[in-house]
Amino acid sequence: MLTLEKAREWYIHTDPVHDFSHIERVYRMAQRLAKLEGADPEIVNAAALLHDAEGTTPGSDARREHHLRSADFAATILKQEGWNEERIRAVQHCIRAHRYRDDREPPQTIEAKVIFDADKLDVLGAVGAVRAVVYAALAGTPFYAAPSSQFLETGVELPGELHSAYHEYLFKLRHVEKRLYTQTAREIARQRRKYLDKFFIQLIAEYKGER
């Protein structure tokens, strides 16, 4: 039987942004969304537990394909659990469709939409602020750097321009709300995005010595 405790072993060697605490948060949010949006809870729970199980090891170059690797890993685990092929494919679709920067397989089922939304909500709000700063530290970039006019216009940095946590906020985080699929998630995202907006306003003001 798939449980949070069983899933813990799959996330021992992961980066701090995609560690087991992220899985716990996504799992709980996915359960909440599934109940309110009418999704199959068993499929949602399995996908939430397995969605980052492969490709998030620090220093790994597999991050860009972690959703594909995790879907393959999920099939192995679910076969061991005695799941039938149809329900395994349903879970795999949820996992393959959850990556924000890969639209080759967008979420088609309500379960996949719930997983996408639960995962993306974790980049907003107070947790989102912490994760953005930690991710920048892992990448060796600052938590704040003034973006170039080119970046503001195109989302592409100038040569040598560092992609700070604030760059990530401008490029991705403040737009996540528009990408969500379920009404419940959009309502949650609206409040979390407002918090994130205020966080970066305060961060920049403190950086400049204005507050």
Protein backbone atom coordinates (compact mmCIF):
# COMPACT_ATOMS: atom_id res chain seq x y z
CA MET A 1 0.00 0.00 0.00
CA LEU A 2 1.30 3.43 -0.94
CA THR A 3 1.70 5.75 2.04
CA LEU A 4 3.68 8.87 2.93
CA GLU A 5 6.00 6.77 5.06
CA LYS A 6 6.67 4.36 2.20
CA ALA A 7 7.36 7.31 -0.12
CA ARG A 8 9.94 8.76 2.26
CA GLU A 9 12.57 6.25 1.07
CA TRP A 10 12.31 7.59 -2.49
CA TYR A 11 13.32 11.09 -1.41
CA ILE A 12 16.43 10.54 0.71
CA HIS A 13 18.92 11.89 -1.84
CA THR A 14 17.05 14.88 -3.25
CA ASP A 15 17.77 18.59 -3.46
CA PRO A 16 16.26 20.80 -0.70
CA VAL A 17 13.66 22.24 -3.06
CA HIS A 18 12.26 18.83 -4.07
CA ASP A 19 12.76 16.98 -0.82
CA PHE A 20 10.26 14.93 1.17
CA SER A 21 8.70 18.02 2.76
CA HIS A 22 7.70 19.14 -0.76
CA ILE A 23 6.08 15.75 -1.33
CA GLU A 24 4.18 16.04 1.95
CA ARG A 25 2.81 19.46 1.01
CA VAL A 26 1.85 18.43 -2.52
CA TYR A 27 0.25 15.23 -1.21
CA ARG A 28 -1.93 17.11 1.29
CA MET A 29 -2.89 19.83 -1.17
CA ALA A 30 -3.67 17.25 -3.85
CA GLN A 31 -5.97 15.46 -1.43
CA ARG A 32 -7.75 18.74 -0.71
CA LEU A 33 -8.13 19.59 -4.39
CA ALA A 34 -9.21 16.06 -5.32
CA LYS A 35 -12.03 16.13 -2.79
CA LEU A 36 -13.31 19.53 -3.93
CA GLU A 37 -12.83 18.92 -7.66
CA GLY A 38 -14.16 15.35 -7.83
CA ALA A 39 -10.92 13.58 -8.77
CA ASP A 40 -10.13 9.91 -8.11
CA PRO A 41 -8.32 10.04 -4.73
CA GLU A 42 -6.32 6.83 -5.23
CA ILE A 43 -4.82 8.01 -8.52
CA VAL A 44 -4.14 11.48 -7.13
CA ASN A 45 -2.49 10.12 -3.98
CA ALA A 46 -0.21 7.79 -5.94
CA ALA A 47 0.80 10.50 -8.40
CA ALA A 48 1.50 12.98 -5.61
CA LEU A 49 3.76 10.51 -3.82
CA LEU A 50 5.66 9.51 -6.96
CA HIS A 51 5.79 12.69 -9.08
CA ASP A 52 9.39 13.66 -8.17
CA ALA A 53 10.75 10.22 -7.28
CA GLU A 54 13.46 10.21 -9.98
CA GLY A 55 15.75 12.92 -11.33
CA THR A 56 15.99 15.30 -8.37
CA THR A 57 19.35 14.18 -6.94
CA PRO A 58 21.67 17.16 -6.25
CA GLY A 59 24.14 17.63 -9.08
CA SER A 60 22.07 15.48 -11.42
CA ASP A 61 21.60 16.60 -15.02
CA ALA A 62 18.33 14.64 -15.21
CA ARG A 63 16.14 17.39 -13.75
CA ARG A 64 14.72 18.36 -17.14
CA GLU A 65 13.38 14.84 -17.59
CA HIS A 66 12.51 14.06 -13.99
CA HIS A 67 8.80 13.86 -14.83
CA LEU A 68 9.47 11.20 -17.48
CA ARG A 69 11.85 9.23 -15.26
CA SER A 70 9.41 9.45 -12.35
CA ALA A 71 6.57 8.17 -14.54
CA ASP A 72 8.65 5.13 -15.49
CA PHE A 73 9.56 4.56 -11.84
CA ALA A 74 5.88 4.84 -10.90
CA ALA A 75 4.97 2.04 -13.29
CA THR A 76 7.48 -0.26 -11.60
CA ILE A 77 6.20 0.56 -8.12
CA LEU A 78 2.52 0.31 -9.02
CA LYS A 79 2.97 -3.04 -10.77
CA GLN A 80 4.53 -4.32 -7.56
CA GLU A 81 1.45 -2.99 -5.75
CA GLY A 82 -0.83 -4.97 -8.07
CA TRP A 83 -2.34 -2.05 -9.99
CA ASN A 84 -3.88 -2.74 -13.41
CA GLU A 85 -2.43 -1.19 -16.56
CA GLU A 86 -5.21 1.35 -17.08
CA ARG A 87 -4.82 2.89 -13.64
CA ILE A 88 -1.03 2.83 -13.90
CA ARG A 89 -1.28 4.79 -17.15
CA ALA A 90 -3.59 7.27 -15.43
CA VAL A 91 -0.98 7.88 -12.72
CA GLN A 92 1.81 8.12 -15.28
CA HIS A 93 -0.11 10.76 -17.19
CA CYS A 94 -0.46 12.82 -14.02
CA ILE A 95 3.29 12.63 -13.44
CA ARG A 96 4.36 13.31 -17.03
CA ALA A 97 1.99 16.28 -17.24
CA HIS A 98 3.04 18.03 -14.03
CA ARG A 99 6.20 19.80 -15.24
CA TYR A 100 5.64 23.53 -15.74
CA ARG A 101 8.29 23.98 -18.43
CA ASP A 102 7.27 21.03 -20.59
CA ASP A 103 3.95 21.31 -22.44
CA ARG A 104 4.39 18.23 -24.63
CA GLU A 105 1.80 16.40 -22.54
CA PRO A 106 -0.57 18.89 -20.90
CA PRO A 107 -2.94 17.61 -18.19
CA GLN A 108 -6.01 16.00 -19.76
CA THR A 109 -7.74 14.37 -16.80
CA ILE A 110 -9.04 16.00 -13.63
CA GLU A 111 -6.50 13.94 -11.69
CA ALA A 112 -3.62 15.31 -13.78
CA LYS A 113 -4.95 18.84 -13.37
CA VAL A 114 -5.13 18.38 -9.62
CA ILE A 115 -1.50 17.16 -9.47
CA PHE A 116 -0.29 20.00 -11.70
CA ASP A 117 -2.10 22.56 -9.54
CA ALA A 118 -1.02 21.09 -6.20
CA ASP A 119 2.62 21.04 -7.32
CA LYS A 120 2.51 24.60 -8.64
CA LEU A 121 0.84 26.03 -5.54
CA ASP A 122 4.00 25.07 -3.68
CA VAL A 123 5.97 27.78 -5.51
CA LEU A 124 3.68 30.51 -4.18
CA GLY A 125 3.09 32.04 -0.75
CA ALA A 126 5.52 31.84 2.17
CA VAL A 127 6.83 28.43 1.11
CA GLY A 128 7.28 29.72 -2.42
CA ALA A 129 9.37 32.63 -1.17
CA VAL A 130 11.62 30.29 0.80
CA ARG A 131 11.95 27.87 -2.11
CA ALA A 132 12.86 30.66 -4.55
CA VAL A 133 15.67 31.88 -2.31
CA VAL A 134 16.94 28.35 -1.61
CA TYR A 135 16.86 27.47 -5.30
CA ALA A 136 18.90 30.58 -6.11
CA ALA A 137 21.44 29.63 -3.44
CA LEU A 138 21.72 26.12 -4.87
CA ALA A 139 22.31 27.60 -8.32
CA GLY A 140 24.93 30.00 -6.98
CA THR A 141 22.89 33.08 -7.88
CA PRO A 142 21.77 35.95 -5.60
CA PHE A 143 18.34 36.24 -4.02
CA TYR A 144 18.08 39.68 -5.61
CA ALA A 145 19.73 41.37 -8.59
CA ALA A 146 18.26 44.19 -10.63
CA PRO A 147 17.00 42.69 -13.92
CA SER A 148 18.14 44.18 -17.20
CA SER A 149 15.69 45.95 -19.48
CA GLN A 150 16.17 43.09 -21.94
CA PHE A 151 15.10 40.55 -19.32
CA LEU A 152 12.07 42.64 -18.39
CA GLU A 153 11.02 42.79 -22.04
CA THR A 154 11.90 39.29 -23.22
CA GLY A 155 12.63 37.06 -20.22
CA VAL A 156 16.14 36.45 -21.60
CA GLU A 157 19.16 37.56 -19.56
CA LEU A 158 22.02 39.57 -20.97
CA PRO A 159 25.38 37.74 -21.18
CA GLY A 160 26.65 37.43 -17.63
CA GLU A 161 23.33 38.43 -16.05
CA LEU A 162 22.52 36.18 -13.11
CA HIS A 163 19.06 34.63 -12.78
CA SER A 164 18.27 35.69 -9.21
CA ALA A 165 15.29 34.65 -7.10
CA TYR A 166 13.68 37.91 -8.17
CA HIS A 167 14.25 37.04 -11.83
CA GLU A 168 12.46 33.74 -11.22
CA TYR A 169 9.58 35.62 -9.61
CA LEU A 170 9.27 37.91 -12.64
CA PHE A 171 9.75 35.11 -15.18
CA LYS A 172 7.61 32.38 -13.61
CA LEU A 173 6.19 32.72 -10.13
CA ARG A 174 3.91 35.71 -10.65
CA HIS A 175 2.39 34.02 -13.72
CA VAL A 176 1.71 30.59 -12.20
CA GLU A 177 -1.83 31.51 -11.15
CA LYS A 178 -2.82 31.94 -14.80
CA ARG A 179 -1.61 28.42 -15.65
CA LEU A 180 -3.66 26.56 -13.06
CA TYR A 181 -6.57 24.38 -14.11
CA THR A 182 -8.95 24.09 -11.16
CA GLN A 183 -11.06 26.82 -9.64
CA THR A 184 -10.09 25.78 -6.13
CA ALA A 185 -6.37 26.09 -6.90
CA ARG A 186 -6.80 29.47 -8.57
CA GLU A 187 -8.52 30.82 -5.48
CA ILE A 188 -5.71 29.57 -3.25
CA ALA A 189 -3.09 30.87 -5.68
CA ARG A 190 -4.57 34.35 -5.68
CA GLN A 191 -3.94 34.75 -1.97
CA ARG A 192 -0.51 33.14 -2.09
CA ARG A 193 0.56 35.27 -5.05
CA LYS A 194 -0.41 38.44 -3.17
CA TYR A 195 1.86 37.34 -0.32
CA LEU A 196 4.70 36.66 -2.77
CA ASP A 197 4.23 40.09 -4.37
CA LYS A 198 4.54 41.76 -0.97
CA PHE A 199 7.56 39.63 -0.09
CA PHE A 200 9.57 40.78 -3.09
CA ILE A 201 8.49 44.40 -2.65
CA GLN A 202 9.77 44.24 0.93
CA LEU A 203 12.92 42.36 -0.12
CA ILE A 204 13.88 44.97 -2.71
CA ALA A 205 13.12 47.85 -0.35
CA GLU A 206 15.34 46.32 2.34
CA TYR A 207 18.06 45.59 -0.23
CA LYS A 208 18.04 49.27 -1.22
CA GLY A 209 17.97 50.46 2.40
CA GLU A 210 14.54 52.04 1.98
CA ARG A 211 12.83 50.12 4.83
